[in-house]
C-alpha atoms as a PDB file:
ATOM      1  CA  UNK A   1     177.634  -2.025 149.164  1.00  0.00           C
ATOM      2  CA  UNK A   2     176.425   0.923 146.768  1.00  0.00           C
ATOM      3  CA  UNK A   3     175.913   0.761 143.142  1.00  0.00           C
ATOM      4  CA  UNK A   4     176.908   3.869 141.318  1.00  0.00           C
ATOM      5  CA  UNK A   5     175.132   4.202 137.514  1.00  0.00           C
ATOM      6  CA  UNK A   6     176.855   7.207 135.658  1.00  0.00           C
ATOM      7  CA  UNK A   7     174.242   8.282 133.496  1.00  0.00           C
ATOM      8  CA  UNK A   8     175.279  12.212 132.200  1.00  0.00           C
ATOM      9  CA  UNK A   9     175.835  11.509 128.851  1.00  0.00           C
ATOM     10  CA  UNK A  10     174.422  13.288 126.162  1.00  0.00           C
ATOM     11  CA  UNK A  11     174.183  10.478 124.176  1.00  0.00           C
ATOM     12  CA  UNK A  12     174.845  12.423 120.955  1.00  0.00           C
ATOM     13  CA  UNK A  13     175.195   9.135 118.738  1.00  0.00           C
ATOM     14  CA  UNK A  14     171.230   8.507 119.287  1.00  0.00           C
ATOM     15  CA  UNK A  15     170.186  12.094 118.152  1.00  0.00           C
ATOM     16  CA  UNK A  16     167.117  12.975 117.387  1.00  0.00           C
ATOM     17  CA  UNK A  17     166.027  10.123 120.002  1.00  0.00           C
ATOM     18  CA  UNK A  18     168.009  11.628 122.856  1.00  0.00           C
ATOM     19  CA  UNK A  19     167.019  15.240 122.315  1.00  0.00           C
ATOM     20  CA  UNK A  20     164.289  15.050 124.970  1.00  0.00           C
ATOM     21  CA  UNK A  21     165.247  12.204 126.873  1.00  0.00           C
ATOM     22  CA  UNK A  22     168.458  11.045 128.799  1.00  0.00           C
ATOM     23  CA  UNK A  23     170.036   7.884 126.567  1.00  0.00           C
ATOM     24  CA  UNK A  24     169.340   5.794 129.895  1.00  0.00           C
ATOM     25  CA  UNK A  25     165.732   6.292 129.675  1.00  0.00           C
ATOM     26  CA  UNK A  26     165.233   5.065 126.180  1.00  0.00           C
ATOM     27  CA  UNK A  27     163.155   2.417 125.537  1.00  0.00           C
ATOM     28  CA  UNK A  28     164.264  -1.759 124.509  1.00  0.00           C
ATOM     29  CA  UNK A  29     163.459  -4.657 124.681  1.00  0.00           C
ATOM     30  CA  UNK A  30     159.596  -3.559 126.558  1.00  0.00           C
ATOM     31  CA  UNK A  31     162.034  -1.496 129.151  1.00  0.00           C
ATOM     32  CA  UNK A  32     163.915   1.566 129.542  1.00  0.00           C
ATOM     33  CA  UNK A  33     167.445   0.664 129.511  1.00  0.00           C
ATOM     34  CA  UNK A  34     168.274   1.656 133.097  1.00  0.00           C
ATOM     35  CA  UNK A  35     165.480  -0.520 134.302  1.00  0.00           C
ATOM     36  CA  UNK A  36     167.273  -3.610 132.731  1.00  0.00           C
ATOM     37  CA  UNK A  37     170.690  -2.375 134.468  1.00  0.00           C
ATOM     38  CA  UNK A  38     168.785  -1.791 137.968  1.00  0.00           C
ATOM     39  CA  UNK A  39     166.888  -4.730 138.199  1.00  0.00           C
ATOM     40  CA  UNK A  40     170.117  -6.707 137.692  1.00  0.00           C
ATOM     41  CA  UNK A  41     172.255  -4.857 140.042  1.00  0.00           C
ATOM     42  CA  UNK A  42     169.077  -5.211 142.477  1.00  0.00           C
ATOM     43  CA  UNK A  43     169.486  -8.675 143.030  1.00  0.00           C
ATOM     44  CA  UNK A  44     172.896  -7.558 145.468  1.00  0.00           C
ATOM     45  CA  UNK A  45     170.169  -5.839 147.765  1.00  0.00           C
ATOM     46  CA  UNK A  46     172.302  -2.811 147.686  1.00  0.00           C
ATOM     47  CA  UNK A  47     171.897  -0.050 150.685  1.00  0.00           C
ATOM     48  CA  UNK A  48     171.576   2.501 147.759  1.00  0.00           C
ATOM     49  CA  UNK A  49     171.479   3.163 144.160  1.00  0.00           C
ATOM     50  CA  UNK A  50     173.214   6.418 143.168  1.00  0.00           C
ATOM     51  CA  UNK A  51     172.569   8.248 139.678  1.00  0.00           C
ATOM     52  CA  UNK A  52     175.421  10.186 138.436  1.00  0.00           C
ATOM     53  CA  UNK A  53     173.654  12.569 136.448  1.00  0.00           C
ATOM     54  CA  UNK A  54     173.630  15.795 134.042  1.00  0.00           C
ATOM     55  CA  UNK A  55     171.883  15.926 130.531  1.00  0.00           C
ATOM     56  CA  UNK A  56     168.148  15.963 131.175  1.00  0.00           C
ATOM     57  CA  UNK A  57     168.767  15.360 135.076  1.00  0.00           C
ATOM     58  CA  UNK A  58     165.106  15.989 135.733  1.00  0.00           C
ATOM     59  CA  UNK A  59     164.005  13.214 133.722  1.00  0.00           C
ATOM     60  CA  UNK A  60     165.866  10.964 135.410  1.00  0.00           C
ATOM     61  CA  UNK A  61     164.422  12.088 139.019  1.00  0.00           C
ATOM     62  CA  UNK A  62     160.911  11.899 137.415  1.00  0.00           C
ATOM     63  CA  UNK A  63     161.497   8.535 136.358  1.00  0.00           C
ATOM     64  CA  UNK A  64     162.705   7.432 139.963  1.00  0.00           C
ATOM     65  CA  UNK A  65     159.562   9.034 141.399  1.00  0.00           C
ATOM     66  CA  UNK A  66     157.661   5.901 139.705  1.00  0.00           C
ATOM     67  CA  UNK A  67     160.145   3.704 141.260  1.00  0.00           C
ATOM     68  CA  UNK A  68     159.646   3.171 145.011  1.00  0.00           C
ATOM     69  CA  UNK A  69     160.476  -0.538 144.365  1.00  0.00           C
ATOM     70  CA  UNK A  70     163.914   0.022 143.878  1.00  0.00           C
ATOM     71  CA  UNK A  71     164.576   1.074 147.046  1.00  0.00           C
ATOM     72  CA  UNK A  72     167.230   3.739 148.144  1.00  0.00           C
ATOM     73  CA  UNK A  73     167.917   6.057 144.995  1.00  0.00           C
ATOM     74  CA  UNK A  74     170.051   9.562 144.859  1.00  0.00           C
ATOM     75  CA  UNK A  75     170.809  11.607 142.136  1.00  0.00           C
ATOM     76  CA  UNK A  76     174.258  13.449 142.226  1.00  0.00           C
ATOM     77  CA  UNK A  77     174.726  15.957 139.625  1.00  0.00           C
ATOM     78  CA  UNK A  78     177.645  16.460 137.029  1.00  0.00           C
ATOM     79  CA  UNK A  79     176.668  19.281 135.383  1.00  0.00           C
ATOM     80  CA  UNK A  80     179.683  19.793 133.347  1.00  0.00           C
ATOM     81  CA  UNK A  81     181.090  16.188 132.743  1.00  0.00           C
ATOM     82  CA  UNK A  82     184.971  16.249 132.857  1.00  0.00           C
ATOM     83  CA  UNK A  83     184.988  12.422 132.588  1.00  0.00           C
ATOM     84  CA  UNK A  84     184.079   8.923 134.196  1.00  0.00           C
ATOM     85  CA  UNK A  85     186.680   9.543 136.879  1.00  0.00           C
ATOM     86  CA  UNK A  86     184.623  13.027 137.850  1.00  0.00           C
ATOM     87  CA  UNK A  87     181.764  11.196 137.555  1.00  0.00           C
ATOM     88  CA  UNK A  88     182.394   8.617 140.201  1.00  0.00           C
ATOM     89  CA  UNK A  89     184.464  11.071 142.333  1.00  0.00           C
ATOM     90  CA  UNK A  90     181.028  13.055 142.838  1.00  0.00           C
ATOM     91  CA  UNK A  91     179.793   9.925 143.807  1.00  0.00           C
ATOM     92  CA  UNK A  92     182.300   8.835 146.435  1.00  0.00           C
ATOM     93  CA  UNK A  93     180.898  11.508 149.112  1.00  0.00           C
ATOM     94  CA  UNK A  94     178.170   9.304 149.543  1.00  0.00           C
ATOM     95  CA  UNK A  95     180.079   5.979 150.067  1.00  0.00           C
ATOM     96  CA  UNK A  96     182.360   4.950 152.981  1.00  0.00           C
ATOM     97  CA  UNK A  97     185.612   3.747 152.902  1.00  0.00           C
ATOM     98  CA  UNK A  98     184.708   0.158 154.363  1.00  0.00           C
ATOM     99  CA  UNK A  99     181.811  -0.111 151.981  1.00  0.00           C
ATOM    100  CA  UNK A 100     182.426  -1.964 148.580  1.00  0.00           C
ATOM    101  CA  UNK A 101     180.908  -0.470 145.443  1.00  0.00           C
ATOM    102  CA  UNK A 102     179.589  -1.502 142.235  1.00  0.00           C
ATOM    103  CA  UNK A 103     180.384   1.040 139.013  1.00  0.00           C
ATOM    104  CA  UNK A 104     178.148   0.255 135.840  1.00  0.00           C
ATOM    105  CA  UNK A 105     177.879   2.200 132.637  1.00  0.00           C
ATOM    106  CA  UNK A 106     174.374   3.653 132.364  1.00  0.00           C
ATOM    107  CA  UNK A 107     174.435   2.253 128.614  1.00  0.00           C
ATOM    108  CA  UNK A 108     175.888  -0.877 129.436  1.00  0.00           C
ATOM    109  CA  UNK A 109     173.568  -4.246 128.834  1.00  0.00           C
ATOM    110  CA  UNK A 110     175.175  -7.458 129.617  1.00  0.00           C
ATOM    111  CA  UNK A 111     174.525 -10.781 130.759  1.00  0.00           C
ATOM    112  CA  UNK A 112     176.891 -11.318 133.237  1.00  0.00           C
ATOM    113  CA  UNK A 113     177.158 -13.115 136.954  1.00  0.00           C
ATOM    114  CA  UNK A 114     177.102 -10.527 139.381  1.00  0.00           C
ATOM    115  CA  UNK A 115     175.923 -13.027 141.992  1.00  0.00           C
ATOM    116  CA  UNK A 116     179.859 -13.667 142.691  1.00  0.00           C
ATOM    117  CA  UNK A 117     180.397 -10.021 143.983  1.00  0.00           C
ATOM    118  CA  UNK A 118     178.804 -11.019 147.511  1.00  0.00           C
ATOM    119  CA  UNK A 119     181.869 -13.282 148.029  1.00  0.00           C
ATOM    120  CA  UNK A 120     184.293 -11.523 146.044  1.00  0.00           C
ATOM    121  CA  UNK A 121     187.499 -10.343 148.469  1.00  0.00           C
ATOM    122  CA  UNK A 122     189.368  -8.506 145.796  1.00  0.00           C
ATOM    123  CA  UNK A 123     188.374  -5.679 143.239  1.00  0.00           C
ATOM    124  CA  UNK A 124     186.516  -7.110 140.169  1.00  0.00           C
ATOM    125  CA  UNK A 125     186.503  -5.409 136.219  1.00  0.00           C
ATOM    126  CA  UNK A 126     184.323  -7.313 134.164  1.00  0.00           C
ATOM    127  CA  UNK A 127     185.633  -8.159 130.442  1.00  0.00           C
ATOM    128  CA  UNK A 128     184.244  -9.494 127.488  1.00  0.00           C
ATOM    129  CA  UNK A 129     187.154 -11.318 124.744  1.00  0.00           C
ATOM    130  CA  UNK A 130     186.832  -9.243 121.367  1.00  0.00           C
ATOM    131  CA  UNK A 131     188.721  -9.932 118.173  1.00  0.00           C
ATOM    132  CA  UNK A 132     190.072  -6.407 118.036  1.00  0.00           C
ATOM    133  CA  UNK A 133     191.075  -5.127 120.993  1.00  0.00           C
ATOM    134  CA  UNK A 134     192.675  -1.879 119.889  1.00  0.00           C
ATOM    135  CA  UNK A 135     189.352  -0.636 119.808  1.00  0.00           C
ATOM    136  CA  UNK A 136     188.641  -0.896 123.634  1.00  0.00           C
ATOM    137  CA  UNK A 137     190.641  -0.482 127.077  1.00  0.00           C
ATOM    138  CA  UNK A 138     192.087  -4.061 127.790  1.00  0.00           C
ATOM    139  CA  UNK A 139     192.784  -5.617 131.238  1.00  0.00           C
ATOM    140  CA  UNK A 140     196.045  -7.733 131.007  1.00  0.00           C
ATOM    141  CA  UNK A 141     196.552 -10.728 133.755  1.00  0.00           C
ATOM    142  CA  UNK A 142     199.200 -13.029 134.721  1.00  0.00           C
ATOM    143  CA  UNK A 143     199.467 -16.260 135.168  1.00  0.00           C
ATOM    144  CA  UNK A 144     197.184 -16.341 138.554  1.00  0.00           C
ATOM    145  CA  UNK A 145     194.549 -14.728 137.062  1.00  0.00           C
ATOM    146  CA  UNK A 146     195.410 -11.190 138.625  1.00  0.00           C
ATOM    147  CA  UNK A 147     195.359  -8.022 136.654  1.00  0.00           C
ATOM    148  CA  UNK A 148     198.735  -5.915 136.225  1.00  0.00           C
ATOM    149  CA  UNK A 149     197.832  -3.311 133.500  1.00  0.00           C
ATOM    150  CA  UNK A 150     195.060  -1.658 132.069  1.00  0.00           C
ATOM    151  CA  UNK A 151     196.182  -0.351 128.828  1.00  0.00           C
ATOM    152  CA  UNK A 152     193.661   2.220 126.253  1.00  0.00           C
ATOM    153  CA  UNK A 153     193.121   0.874 122.966  1.00  0.00           C
ATOM    154  CA  UNK A 154     196.396  -1.147 122.324  1.00  0.00           C
ATOM    155  CA  UNK A 155     197.955  -1.115 119.028  1.00  0.00           C
ATOM    156  CA  UNK A 156     200.190  -3.719 119.708  1.00  0.00           C
ATOM    157  CA  UNK A 157     198.567  -7.029 121.224  1.00  0.00           C
ATOM    158  CA  UNK A 158     198.735  -7.208 125.150  1.00  0.00           C
ATOM    159  CA  UNK A 159     195.081  -8.783 125.946  1.00  0.00           C
ATOM    160  CA  UNK A 160     192.093  -9.523 124.219  1.00  0.00           C
ATOM    161  CA  UNK A 161     189.884  -8.908 127.485  1.00  0.00           C
ATOM    162  CA  UNK A 162     187.765  -5.598 126.821  1.00  0.00           C
ATOM    163  CA  UNK A 163     186.694  -3.815 130.032  1.00  0.00           C
ATOM    164  CA  UNK A 164     182.419  -3.354 129.335  1.00  0.00           C
ATOM    165  CA  UNK A 165     181.691  -0.682 132.162  1.00  0.00           C
ATOM    166  CA  UNK A 166     181.059  -2.839 134.989  1.00  0.00           C
ATOM    167  CA  UNK A 167     183.767  -2.319 137.908  1.00  0.00           C
ATOM    168  CA  UNK A 168     183.491  -4.071 141.395  1.00  0.00           C
ATOM    169  CA  UNK A 169     185.568  -1.550 144.105  1.00  0.00           C
ATOM    170  CA  UNK A 170     186.397  -3.508 147.328  1.00  0.00           C
ATOM    171  CA  UNK A 171     189.087  -1.201 148.061  1.00  0.00           C
ATOM    172  CA  UNK A 172     186.884   2.212 147.755  1.00  0.00           C
ATOM    173  CA  UNK A 173     189.372   4.183 150.221  1.00  0.00           C
ATOM    174  CA  UNK A 174     192.400   3.402 147.449  1.00  0.00           C
ATOM    175  CA  UNK A 175     189.944   4.962 144.963  1.00  0.00           C
ATOM    176  CA  UNK A 176     189.318   7.924 146.580  1.00  0.00           C
ATOM    177  CA  UNK A 177     192.736   8.783 147.139  1.00  0.00           C
ATOM    178  CA  UNK A 178     193.643   8.213 143.556  1.00  0.00           C
ATOM    179  CA  UNK A 179     190.599   9.731 142.331  1.00  0.00           C
ATOM    180  CA  UNK A 180     191.871  13.127 144.408  1.00  0.00           C
ATOM    181  CA  UNK A 181     195.217  12.604 143.086  1.00  0.00           C
ATOM    182  CA  UNK A 182     194.454  12.921 139.759  1.00  0.00           C
ATOM    183  CA  UNK A 183     191.834  15.680 140.102  1.00  0.00           C
ATOM    184  CA  UNK A 184     194.140  17.360 142.141  1.00  0.00           C
ATOM    185  CA  UNK A 185     196.845  17.386 139.798  1.00  0.00           C
ATOM    186  CA  UNK A 186     194.758  17.826 137.163  1.00  0.00           C
ATOM    187  CA  UNK A 187     196.102  14.929 135.400  1.00  0.00           C
ATOM    188  CA  UNK A 188     194.091  14.153 132.307  1.00  0.00           C
ATOM    189  CA  UNK A 189     194.152  11.714 129.535  1.00  0.00           C
ATOM    190  CA  UNK A 190     192.452  12.620 126.174  1.00  0.00           C
ATOM    191  CA  UNK A 191     191.354  15.999 128.309  1.00  0.00           C
ATOM    192  CA  UNK A 192     189.194  14.133 130.957  1.00  0.00           C
ATOM    193  CA  UNK A 193     189.946  12.531 134.453  1.00  0.00           C
ATOM    194  CA  UNK A 194     189.427   8.745 133.627  1.00  0.00           C
ATOM    195  CA  UNK A 195     188.479   6.109 135.961  1.00  0.00           C
ATOM    196  CA  UNK A 196     190.973   3.580 134.363  1.00  0.00           C
ATOM    197  CA  UNK A 197     193.912   6.110 135.293  1.00  0.00           C
ATOM    198  CA  UNK A 198     192.893   5.941 138.971  1.00  0.00           C
ATOM    199  CA  UNK A 199     192.283   1.682 138.579  1.00  0.00           C
ATOM    200  CA  UNK A 200     195.911   1.581 137.295  1.00  0.00           C
ATOM    201  CA  UNK A 201     196.869   3.820 139.997  1.00  0.00           C
ATOM    202  CA  UNK A 202     195.466   1.254 142.352  1.00  0.00           C
ATOM    203  CA  UNK A 203     196.977  -1.494 140.713  1.00  0.00           C
ATOM    204  CA  UNK A 204     200.372   0.072 140.917  1.00  0.00           C
ATOM    205  CA  UNK A 205     199.960   0.644 144.294  1.00  0.00           C
ATOM    206  CA  UNK A 206     199.083  -2.885 145.302  1.00  0.00           C
ATOM    207  CA  UNK A 207     195.501  -3.054 145.088  1.00  0.00           C
ATOM    208  CA  UNK A 208     194.491  -6.490 143.823  1.00  0.00           C
ATOM    209  CA  UNK A 209     192.284  -7.113 140.740  1.00  0.00           C
ATOM    210  CA  UNK A 210     190.897  -9.790 138.789  1.00  0.00           C
ATOM    211  CA  UNK A 211     188.562 -10.089 135.946  1.00  0.00           C
ATOM    212  CA  UNK A 212     185.093 -11.657 135.618  1.00  0.00           C
ATOM    213  CA  UNK A 213     183.592 -12.807 132.130  1.00  0.00           C
ATOM    214  CA  UNK A 214     180.345 -11.137 130.794  1.00  0.00           C
ATOM    215  CA  UNK A 215     178.698 -13.643 128.424  1.00  0.00           C
ATOM    216  CA  UNK A 216     177.149 -11.282 126.205  1.00  0.00           C
ATOM    217  CA  UNK A 217     177.736  -7.292 125.906  1.00  0.00           C
ATOM    218  CA  UNK A 218     175.047  -5.608 124.032  1.00  0.00           C
ATOM    219  CA  UNK A 219     175.511  -1.978 122.443  1.00  0.00           C
ATOM    220  CA  UNK A 220     172.856   0.586 122.569  1.00  0.00           C
ATOM    221  CA  UNK A 221     175.135   3.442 121.382  1.00  0.00           C
ATOM    222  CA  UNK A 222     173.357   3.672 117.731  1.00  0.00           C
ATOM    223  CA  UNK A 223     170.301   3.591 116.314  1.00  0.00           C
ATOM    224  CA  UNK A 224     170.969   0.706 114.785  1.00  0.00           C
ATOM    225  CA  UNK A 225     172.537  -1.120 117.375  1.00  0.00           C
ATOM    226  CA  UNK A 226     169.913  -0.282 119.763  1.00  0.00           C
ATOM    227  CA  UNK A 227     167.533  -2.240 117.412  1.00  0.00           C
ATOM    228  CA  UNK A 228     169.704  -5.061 117.147  1.00  0.00           C
ATOM    229  CA  UNK A 229     170.313  -5.024 121.212  1.00  0.00           C
ATOM    230  CA  UNK A 230     166.438  -4.466 121.280  1.00  0.00           C
ATOM    231  CA  UNK A 231     165.782  -8.136 119.248  1.00  0.00           C
ATOM    232  CA  UNK A 232     168.077  -9.976 121.871  1.00  0.00           C
ATOM    233  CA  UNK A 233     166.425  -8.117 125.221  1.00  0.00           C
ATOM    234  CA  UNK A 234     162.830  -9.374 124.018  1.00  0.00           C
ATOM    235  CA  UNK A 235     163.403 -12.805 124.279  1.00  0.00           C
ATOM    236  CA  UNK A 236     163.517 -11.958 128.084  1.00  0.00           C
ATOM    237  CA  UNK A 237     160.285 -10.201 128.081  1.00  0.00           C
ATOM    238  CA  UNK A 238     158.257 -11.293 125.542  1.00  0.00           C
ATOM    239  CA  UNK A 239     154.625 -10.937 126.448  1.00  0.00           C
ATOM    240  CA  UNK A 240     152.789 -11.490 122.806  1.00  0.00           C
ATOM    241  CA  UNK A 241     151.392 -15.110 123.840  1.00  0.00           C
ATOM    242  CA  UNK A 242     149.100 -12.758 125.807  1.00  0.00           C
ATOM    243  CA  UNK A 243     148.030 -10.521 123.238  1.00  0.00           C
ATOM    244  CA  UNK A 244     145.293 -10.829 120.968  1.00  0.00           C
ATOM    245  CA  UNK A 245     144.066  -8.231 118.316  1.00  0.00           C
ATOM    246  CA  UNK A 246     141.380  -8.277 115.634  1.00  0.00           C
ATOM    247  CA  UNK A 247     142.838  -9.656 112.032  1.00  0.00           C
ATOM    248  CA  UNK A 248     146.290  -9.497 113.645  1.00  0.00           C
ATOM    249  CA  UNK A 249     149.427 -11.986 113.095  1.00  0.00           C
ATOM    250  CA  UNK A 250     152.006 -11.521 116.022  1.00  0.00           C
ATOM    251  CA  UNK A 251     155.455 -13.165 115.425  1.00  0.00           C
ATOM    252  CA  UNK A 252     157.429 -13.413 118.531  1.00  0.00           C
ATOM    253  CA  UNK A 253     159.135 -12.163 120.170  1.00  0.00           C
ATOM    254  CA  UNK A 254     157.621  -8.902 121.004  1.00  0.00           C
ATOM    255  CA  UNK A 255     156.394  -6.587 123.709  1.00  0.00           C
ATOM    256  CA  UNK A 256     153.184  -4.868 123.669  1.00  0.00           C
ATOM    257  CA  UNK A 257     152.475  -2.215 126.152  1.00  0.00           C
ATOM    258  CA  UNK A 258     149.160  -1.377 127.682  1.00  0.00           C
ATOM    259  CA  UNK A 259     146.031   0.512 126.305  1.00  0.00           C
ATOM    260  CA  UNK A 260     147.528  -0.833 122.879  1.00  0.00           C
ATOM    261  CA  UNK A 261     144.896  -0.645 119.750  1.00  0.00           C
ATOM    262  CA  UNK A 262     146.027  -2.612 116.756  1.00  0.00           C
ATOM    263  CA  UNK A 263     143.580  -3.877 113.800  1.00  0.00           C
ATOM    264  CA  UNK A 264     144.555  -6.018 110.752  1.00  0.00           C
ATOM    265  CA  UNK A 265     148.129  -5.956 111.616  1.00  0.00           C
ATOM    266  CA  UNK A 266     151.057  -8.414 111.585  1.00  0.00           C
ATOM    267  CA  UNK A 267     153.462  -7.677 114.019  1.00  0.00           C
ATOM    268  CA  UNK A 268     157.139  -9.026 114.621  1.00  0.00           C
ATOM    269  CA  UNK A 269     159.578 -10.499 115.228  1.00  0.00           C
ATOM    270  CA  UNK A 270     161.370  -8.547 117.218  1.00  0.00           C
ATOM    271  CA  UNK A 271     158.901  -5.745 117.992  1.00  0.00           C
ATOM    272  CA  UNK A 272     158.576  -3.482 121.310  1.00  0.00           C
ATOM    273  CA  UNK A 273     155.389  -1.332 121.141  1.00  0.00           C
ATOM    274  CA  UNK A 274     154.578   1.128 123.863  1.00  0.00           C
ATOM    275  CA  UNK A 275     152.083   2.108 125.455  1.00  0.00           C
ATOM    276  CA  UNK A 276     148.687   3.980 124.319  1.00  0.00           C
ATOM    277  CA  UNK A 277     149.905   3.440 120.661  1.00  0.00           C
ATOM    278  CA  UNK A 278     147.669   2.562 117.820  1.00  0.00           C
ATOM    279  CA  UNK A 279     148.499   0.479 114.724  1.00  0.00           C
ATOM    280  CA  UNK A 280     146.049  -0.246 111.611  1.00  0.00           C
ATOM    281  CA  UNK A 281     147.015  -2.282 108.725  1.00  0.00           C
ATOM    282  CA  UNK A 282     150.832  -2.217 109.166  1.00  0.00           C
ATOM    283  CA  UNK A 283     153.018  -4.631 108.601  1.00  0.00           C
ATOM    284  CA  UNK A 284     156.120  -4.239 111.293  1.00  0.00           C
ATOM    285  CA  UNK A 285     159.486  -6.041 112.520  1.00  0.00           C
ATOM    286  CA  UNK A 286     162.610  -5.305 114.015  1.00  0.00           C
ATOM    287  CA  UNK A 287     161.198  -1.947 115.183  1.00  0.00           C
ATOM    288  CA  UNK A 288     160.930  -0.010 118.718  1.00  0.00           C
ATOM    289  CA  UNK A 289     158.178   2.178 118.769  1.00  0.00           C
ATOM    290  CA  UNK A 290     157.891   4.364 121.560  1.00  0.00           C
ATOM    291  CA  UNK A 291     154.680   5.518 123.695  1.00  0.00           C
ATOM    292  CA  UNK A 292     151.729   7.528 122.583  1.00  0.00           C
ATOM    293  CA  UNK A 293     152.583   6.871 118.414  1.00  0.00           C
ATOM    294  CA  UNK A 294     150.470   5.938 115.685  1.00  0.00           C
ATOM    295  CA  UNK A 295     150.670   4.271 112.581  1.00  0.00           C
ATOM    296  CA  UNK A 296     148.430   3.156 109.797  1.00  0.00           C
ATOM    297  CA  UNK A 297     148.793   1.545 106.261  1.00  0.00           C
ATOM    298  CA  UNK A 298     152.621   1.005 106.416  1.00  0.00           C
ATOM    299  CA  UNK A 299     155.270  -1.632 106.187  1.00  0.00           C
ATOM    300  CA  UNK A 300     158.082  -0.617 108.391  1.00  0.00           C
ATOM    301  CA  UNK A 301     161.216  -2.797 109.231  1.00  0.00           C
ATOM    302  CA  UNK A 302     164.532  -1.961 111.475  1.00  0.00           C
ATOM    303  CA  UNK A 303     163.465   1.710 112.321  1.00  0.00           C
ATOM    304  CA  UNK A 304     162.422   3.364 115.887  1.00  0.00           C
ATOM    305  CA  UNK A 305     159.206   5.118 115.834  1.00  0.00           C
ATOM    306  CA  UNK A 306     159.171   8.180 118.006  1.00  0.00           C
ATOM    307  CA  UNK A 307     157.962  11.599 117.796  1.00  0.00           C
ATOM    308  CA  UNK A 308     160.811  13.649 119.050  1.00  0.00           C
END
């Protein structure tokens, strides 16, 4: 199996925090977004993890140099993004027809059973039941649980199973053929080469797809939702019980980085503090504080503290 992570987006909705970093390298819960994703997918022991990068690609390359424990990695450039389908097409030259591939969007944090994919005999699209399917692409299934159709933002109810951005492709050759046809004939939806159009073509050509549920689907697309996601992920990465600072109360969950100085503060709950930060007389909760930042004599909550 090979893992493909499309991370070429500019993260416009997260500016100014993405002015100098790609979205996937933003901190949340004591790690970067991409750390959480790769650590989940590496449980499957992929032969290679392919990052399809565009905006600030050099930052991703630099970060991967610090991650030898991630095994074989590769960066493929998508310099002028034309949609998710085009991103996957750029990765396909490095995937053999008989190799399954797992595609995970580079800003999708989730709780899901990926281990089941080791035994999957067909293509699998992960979904999450939503109350308002009109905002999402959804999978329509039959009585046997097979996907019969993919519908983008249906205005009439056809399914409440929203696609979350995790795609396991067993029929790699069929996906390659579908994307080649879409690109050759310039078959665009909303001006872009869409992966869902290729998947729909595969379904209509007889490829079998089923759904698998994620138990939690977390958004990192806006500052306020990233802060909410931070509060959830911190419960998986809380190290506050091992941290002690003079005159300071720490309320879990919190993650505090290396070489941090804290004096006479109240920290938490739901605080992620990066390496080399300095805080003095600060009351902070529900915040993400990037590395190398300083604060003093302030009360702060629901903020991303970053020198952008």
